[in-house]
Amino acid sequence: MTQAPMSEFPDIPRHIAVIMDGNGRWARERGKPRRDGHRAGAESVREAIDACRELGVEYLTLYAFSSENWSRPADEVTALMGLLDRFLDEKARDLDKQKVRLLTIGQLERLPEKTRRKLDRLRDRTRGYTDLTLVLALSYGAREEIVRAARSLAAEAAAGRLDPESIDCATFASRLQTAGIPDPDLLIRTSGEMRVSNFLLWQISYAEIIILGKNWPDFRKDDLKAAVAEYRRRHRRFGGL
């Protein structure tokens, strides 16, 4: 992907979402255990955050751990939770210094209690920052999110507190965990896979999608900036002409 001068393009995306794929493949290609791939991917998170801050992107959502990932081998899940704890410990000061707000989406009740406490503290600590909002999707699945939203609306309708005929797209979106967060303008997936993997299915309805062939641990700032340059070349029609 050839990167052109940023000044040649219209406004940058307000919200970028990333499916961080390829950690295991990166490790396998090097004869290393999968946990080494996940550990190497942590550096790419820093690169993505730095690039978004430099470009003025307002929201960055990272698919860090899916609801399906719980079915992986127990030792890999344990290693992933340990890496998440380490990330929260090591990045707390960086997020504070860079004025990055942290939000989370997903079935957080499934995370270890220690991890939930760390997330709570970091969300509280950064809640006033507006330079960049980092959204971590943890134990997240879009189908589950949509089902929960539907159940919430159905319960209110059954209780007589909501007229089913009044439910529209805005009403439904307000029951999703991303309520108050703008929909992604750009979805990036690494490792070359051509699927969205149960990630933000409602929210990416009109997102531009860019697939990168490199694995996530090899992702750097220039890759995000090149993806944004490609995004700026596109004409977003939202179903129109």
Protein backbone atom coordinates (compact mmCIF):
# COMPACT_ATOMS: atom_id res chain seq x y z
CA MET A 1 0.00 0.00 0.00
CA THR A 2 1.55 3.30 -1.08
CA GLN A 3 1.28 6.13 1.40
CA ALA A 4 0.52 9.56 -0.04
CA PRO A 5 0.89 12.93 1.70
CA MET A 6 -1.88 13.23 4.29
CA SER A 7 -2.72 16.79 3.21
CA GLU A 8 -4.06 15.51 -0.11
CA PHE A 9 -7.00 13.73 1.53
CA PRO A 10 -10.23 14.84 3.17
CA ASP A 11 -10.86 14.47 6.87
CA ILE A 12 -9.38 11.52 8.69
CA PRO A 13 -11.64 8.85 10.18
CA ARG A 14 -13.08 9.78 13.52
CA HIS A 15 -13.13 6.16 14.71
CA ILE A 16 -10.84 3.30 13.69
CA ALA A 17 -11.52 -0.30 14.72
CA VAL A 18 -8.87 -3.00 14.44
CA ILE A 19 -9.07 -6.80 14.37
CA MET A 20 -5.61 -7.66 15.66
CA ASP A 21 -5.08 -11.01 13.94
CA GLY A 22 -2.00 -13.11 13.32
CA ASN A 23 -0.22 -13.37 16.67
CA GLY A 24 -0.25 -17.16 16.59
CA ARG A 25 0.83 -17.30 12.97
CA TRP A 26 3.67 -14.86 13.66
CA ALA A 27 4.91 -17.09 16.48
CA ARG A 28 4.53 -20.31 14.47
CA GLU A 29 6.55 -18.91 11.58
CA ARG A 30 9.38 -18.25 14.03
CA GLY A 31 9.13 -21.55 15.86
CA LYS A 32 7.97 -19.84 19.04
CA PRO A 33 5.04 -20.56 21.38
CA ARG A 34 1.80 -18.66 20.73
CA ARG A 35 2.22 -16.61 23.90
CA ASP A 36 5.33 -15.01 22.36
CA GLY A 37 3.19 -13.83 19.47
CA HIS A 38 0.68 -12.26 21.85
CA ARG A 39 3.52 -10.63 23.76
CA ALA A 40 5.01 -9.20 20.55
CA GLY A 41 1.60 -7.87 19.58
CA ALA A 42 1.56 -5.60 22.64
CA GLU A 43 4.15 -3.37 20.97
CA SER A 44 1.84 -2.98 17.98
CA VAL A 45 -0.87 -1.67 20.31
CA ARG A 46 1.47 1.13 21.35
CA GLU A 47 2.23 1.89 17.71
CA ALA A 48 -1.47 2.09 16.84
CA ILE A 49 -2.18 4.41 19.77
CA ASP A 50 0.72 6.69 18.84
CA ALA A 51 -0.38 6.86 15.20
CA CYS A 52 -3.96 7.74 16.15
CA ARG A 53 -2.76 10.50 18.46
CA GLU A 54 -0.52 11.92 15.75
CA LEU A 55 -3.34 11.90 13.20
CA GLY A 56 -6.02 13.25 15.52
CA VAL A 57 -8.22 10.13 15.46
CA GLU A 58 -10.76 10.38 18.28
CA TYR A 59 -11.57 6.69 18.90
CA LEU A 60 -9.55 3.51 18.51
CA THR A 61 -11.27 0.18 19.21
CA LEU A 62 -9.09 -2.92 19.49
CA TYR A 63 -10.47 -6.46 19.35
CA ALA A 64 -8.30 -7.76 22.17
CA PHE A 65 -10.13 -10.94 23.25
CA SER A 66 -13.27 -12.42 21.73
CA SER A 67 -15.97 -14.40 23.52
CA GLU A 68 -14.92 -17.36 21.37
CA ASN A 69 -11.33 -17.12 22.63
CA TRP A 70 -12.41 -18.69 25.93
CA SER A 71 -12.51 -22.03 24.07
CA ARG A 72 -8.75 -21.92 23.43
CA PRO A 73 -6.40 -24.13 25.50
CA ALA A 74 -6.43 -23.16 29.17
CA ASP A 75 -2.71 -22.33 29.23
CA GLU A 76 -3.10 -19.91 26.31
CA VAL A 77 -6.09 -18.20 27.93
CA THR A 78 -4.12 -17.87 31.17
CA ALA A 79 -1.20 -16.37 29.25
CA LEU A 80 -3.51 -13.91 27.51
CA MET A 81 -5.02 -12.78 30.82
CA GLY A 82 -1.51 -12.36 32.21
CA LEU A 83 -0.53 -10.22 29.23
CA LEU A 84 -3.64 -8.11 29.68
CA ASP A 85 -2.75 -7.55 33.33
CA ARG A 86 0.78 -6.60 32.36
CA PHE A 87 -0.52 -4.23 29.67
CA LEU A 88 -2.77 -2.50 32.18
CA ASP A 89 0.11 -2.18 34.67
CA GLU A 90 2.62 -0.92 32.13
CA LYS A 91 0.32 1.31 30.08
CA ALA A 92 -1.51 2.99 32.94
CA ARG A 93 1.13 5.69 33.24
CA ASP A 94 1.40 6.05 29.44
CA LEU A 95 -2.36 6.49 28.99
CA ASP A 96 -2.35 9.04 31.78
CA LYS A 97 0.59 10.94 30.30
CA GLN A 98 -0.86 10.84 26.77
CA LYS A 99 -4.33 11.79 28.02
CA VAL A 100 -5.93 8.70 26.51
CA ARG A 101 -9.30 7.68 27.94
CA LEU A 102 -9.96 3.97 28.38
CA LEU A 103 -13.33 2.33 27.75
CA THR A 104 -14.21 -1.35 27.59
CA ILE A 105 -16.90 -3.43 25.90
CA GLY A 106 -17.67 -7.12 26.22
CA GLN A 107 -18.72 -9.66 28.82
CA LEU A 108 -16.33 -8.31 31.44
CA GLU A 109 -17.91 -10.43 34.16
CA ARG A 110 -16.07 -13.40 32.64
CA LEU A 111 -12.65 -11.82 33.21
CA PRO A 112 -10.63 -12.61 36.36
CA GLU A 113 -11.56 -10.39 39.30
CA LYS A 114 -8.03 -8.96 39.51
CA THR A 115 -8.20 -7.91 35.88
CA ARG A 116 -11.63 -6.31 36.33
CA ARG A 117 -10.33 -4.27 39.26
CA LYS A 118 -7.42 -3.00 37.18
CA LEU A 119 -9.76 -2.06 34.35
CA ASP A 120 -12.06 -0.22 36.75
CA ARG A 121 -9.17 1.78 38.21
CA LEU A 122 -7.79 2.73 34.80
CA ARG A 123 -11.20 3.73 33.43
CA ASP A 124 -11.78 5.93 36.47
CA ARG A 125 -8.29 7.41 36.25
CA THR A 126 -8.64 8.39 32.58
CA ARG A 127 -12.33 9.23 32.34
CA GLY A 128 -11.75 12.96 31.90
CA TYR A 129 -9.40 12.75 28.93
CA THR A 130 -10.57 13.70 25.45
CA ASP A 131 -7.49 13.53 23.18
CA LEU A 132 -8.10 9.87 22.24
CA THR A 133 -10.48 7.21 23.51
CA LEU A 134 -9.11 3.67 23.50
CA VAL A 135 -11.88 1.06 23.53
CA LEU A 136 -10.76 -2.46 24.43
CA ALA A 137 -13.12 -5.21 23.29
CA LEU A 138 -12.60 -7.94 25.89
CA SER A 139 -14.55 -11.18 26.05
CA TYR A 140 -16.56 -9.52 23.30
CA GLY A 141 -18.90 -11.00 20.71
CA ALA A 142 -21.16 -8.91 18.49
CA ARG A 143 -23.94 -11.48 18.26
CA GLU A 144 -24.09 -11.71 22.04
CA GLU A 145 -24.16 -7.92 22.26
CA ILE A 146 -27.07 -7.72 19.81
CA VAL A 147 -28.99 -10.44 21.64
CA ARG A 148 -28.57 -8.61 24.95
CA ALA A 149 -29.85 -5.39 23.39
CA ALA A 150 -32.87 -7.21 21.94
CA ARG A 151 -33.62 -8.80 25.31
CA SER A 152 -33.47 -5.41 27.01
CA LEU A 153 -35.94 -3.88 24.56
CA ALA A 154 -38.21 -6.93 24.69
CA ALA A 155 -38.34 -6.80 28.48
CA GLU A 156 -39.34 -3.13 28.45
CA ALA A 157 -41.98 -3.76 25.80
CA ALA A 158 -43.39 -6.72 27.78
CA ALA A 159 -43.56 -4.55 30.89
CA GLY A 160 -45.50 -1.90 28.99
CA ARG A 161 -42.77 0.72 29.28
CA LEU A 162 -41.92 0.75 25.57
CA ASP A 163 -44.05 0.78 22.45
CA PRO A 164 -42.52 -1.77 20.03
CA GLU A 165 -43.52 0.47 17.12
CA SER A 166 -41.27 3.20 18.51
CA ILE A 167 -38.13 1.09 18.24
CA ASP A 168 -35.87 2.38 15.48
CA CYS A 169 -32.17 2.09 14.67
CA ALA A 170 -31.23 4.84 17.11
CA THR A 171 -33.20 3.18 19.90
CA PHE A 172 -31.56 -0.16 19.26
CA ALA A 173 -28.07 1.37 19.08
CA SER A 174 -28.65 3.03 22.44
CA ARG A 175 -28.87 -0.44 24.04
CA LEU A 176 -25.54 -1.62 22.63
CA GLN A 177 -22.39 -1.41 24.71
CA THR A 178 -21.04 1.17 22.30
CA ALA A 179 -23.85 3.63 23.04
CA GLY A 180 -22.39 7.14 22.89
CA ILE A 181 -19.45 6.04 20.73
CA PRO A 182 -19.58 6.93 17.03
CA ASP A 183 -19.64 3.99 14.62
CA PRO A 184 -16.25 3.07 13.14
CA ASP A 185 -15.40 4.82 9.89
CA LEU A 186 -12.55 2.44 9.15
CA LEU A 187 -12.07 -1.23 10.02
CA ILE A 188 -8.55 -2.65 9.70
CA ARG A 189 -7.79 -6.37 9.86
CA THR A 190 -4.30 -7.79 9.86
CA SER A 191 -3.05 -11.23 8.70
CA GLY A 192 -4.90 -11.13 5.38
CA GLU A 193 -8.03 -12.95 6.55
CA MET A 194 -11.24 -11.80 4.82
CA ARG A 195 -13.81 -11.93 7.62
CA VAL A 196 -15.09 -9.77 10.47
CA SER A 197 -15.11 -12.50 13.15
CA ASN A 198 -18.17 -11.44 15.15
CA PHE A 199 -16.77 -7.95 15.74
CA LEU A 200 -19.03 -4.86 15.91
CA LEU A 201 -21.49 -6.35 13.41
CA TRP A 202 -24.05 -3.58 13.91
CA GLN A 203 -21.55 -0.74 14.18
CA ILE A 204 -19.46 -1.47 11.05
CA SER A 205 -22.43 -1.44 8.68
CA TYR A 206 -20.93 1.43 6.67
CA ALA A 207 -17.28 1.22 7.68
CA GLU A 208 -14.60 1.13 5.02
CA ILE A 209 -12.64 -2.12 5.36
CA ILE A 210 -8.91 -2.51 4.76
CA ILE A 211 -7.17 -5.89 4.99
CA LEU A 212 -3.43 -5.95 5.63
CA GLY A 213 -1.38 -9.01 4.78
CA LYS A 214 1.06 -8.65 7.65
CA ASN A 215 0.49 -10.23 11.04
CA TRP A 216 -0.39 -8.04 14.00
CA PRO A 217 3.04 -8.18 15.73
CA ASP A 218 4.55 -6.63 12.58
CA PHE A 219 2.04 -3.75 12.53
CA ARG A 220 3.59 -0.29 12.95
CA LYS A 221 2.53 3.36 12.85
CA ASP A 222 3.18 3.67 9.14
CA ASP A 223 0.74 0.81 8.49
CA LEU A 224 -2.08 2.64 10.23
CA LYS A 225 -1.21 5.88 8.49
CA ALA A 226 -1.14 4.10 5.12
CA ALA A 227 -4.56 2.60 5.84
CA VAL A 228 -5.90 6.05 6.65
CA ALA A 229 -4.43 7.38 3.40
CA GLU A 230 -6.24 4.62 1.51
CA TYR A 231 -9.45 5.41 3.41
CA ARG A 232 -9.18 9.03 2.31
CA ARG A 233 -9.02 7.98 -1.34
CA ARG A 234 -12.39 6.29 -1.10
CA HIS A 235 -15.78 7.87 -1.71
CA ARG A 236 -18.15 6.90 1.07
CA ARG A 237 -21.65 6.71 -0.42
CA PHE A 238 -23.62 5.20 2.48
CA GLY A 239 -25.87 3.43 -0.02
CA GLY A 240 -26.25 6.49 -2.25
CA LEU A 241 -24.71 7.34 -5.61
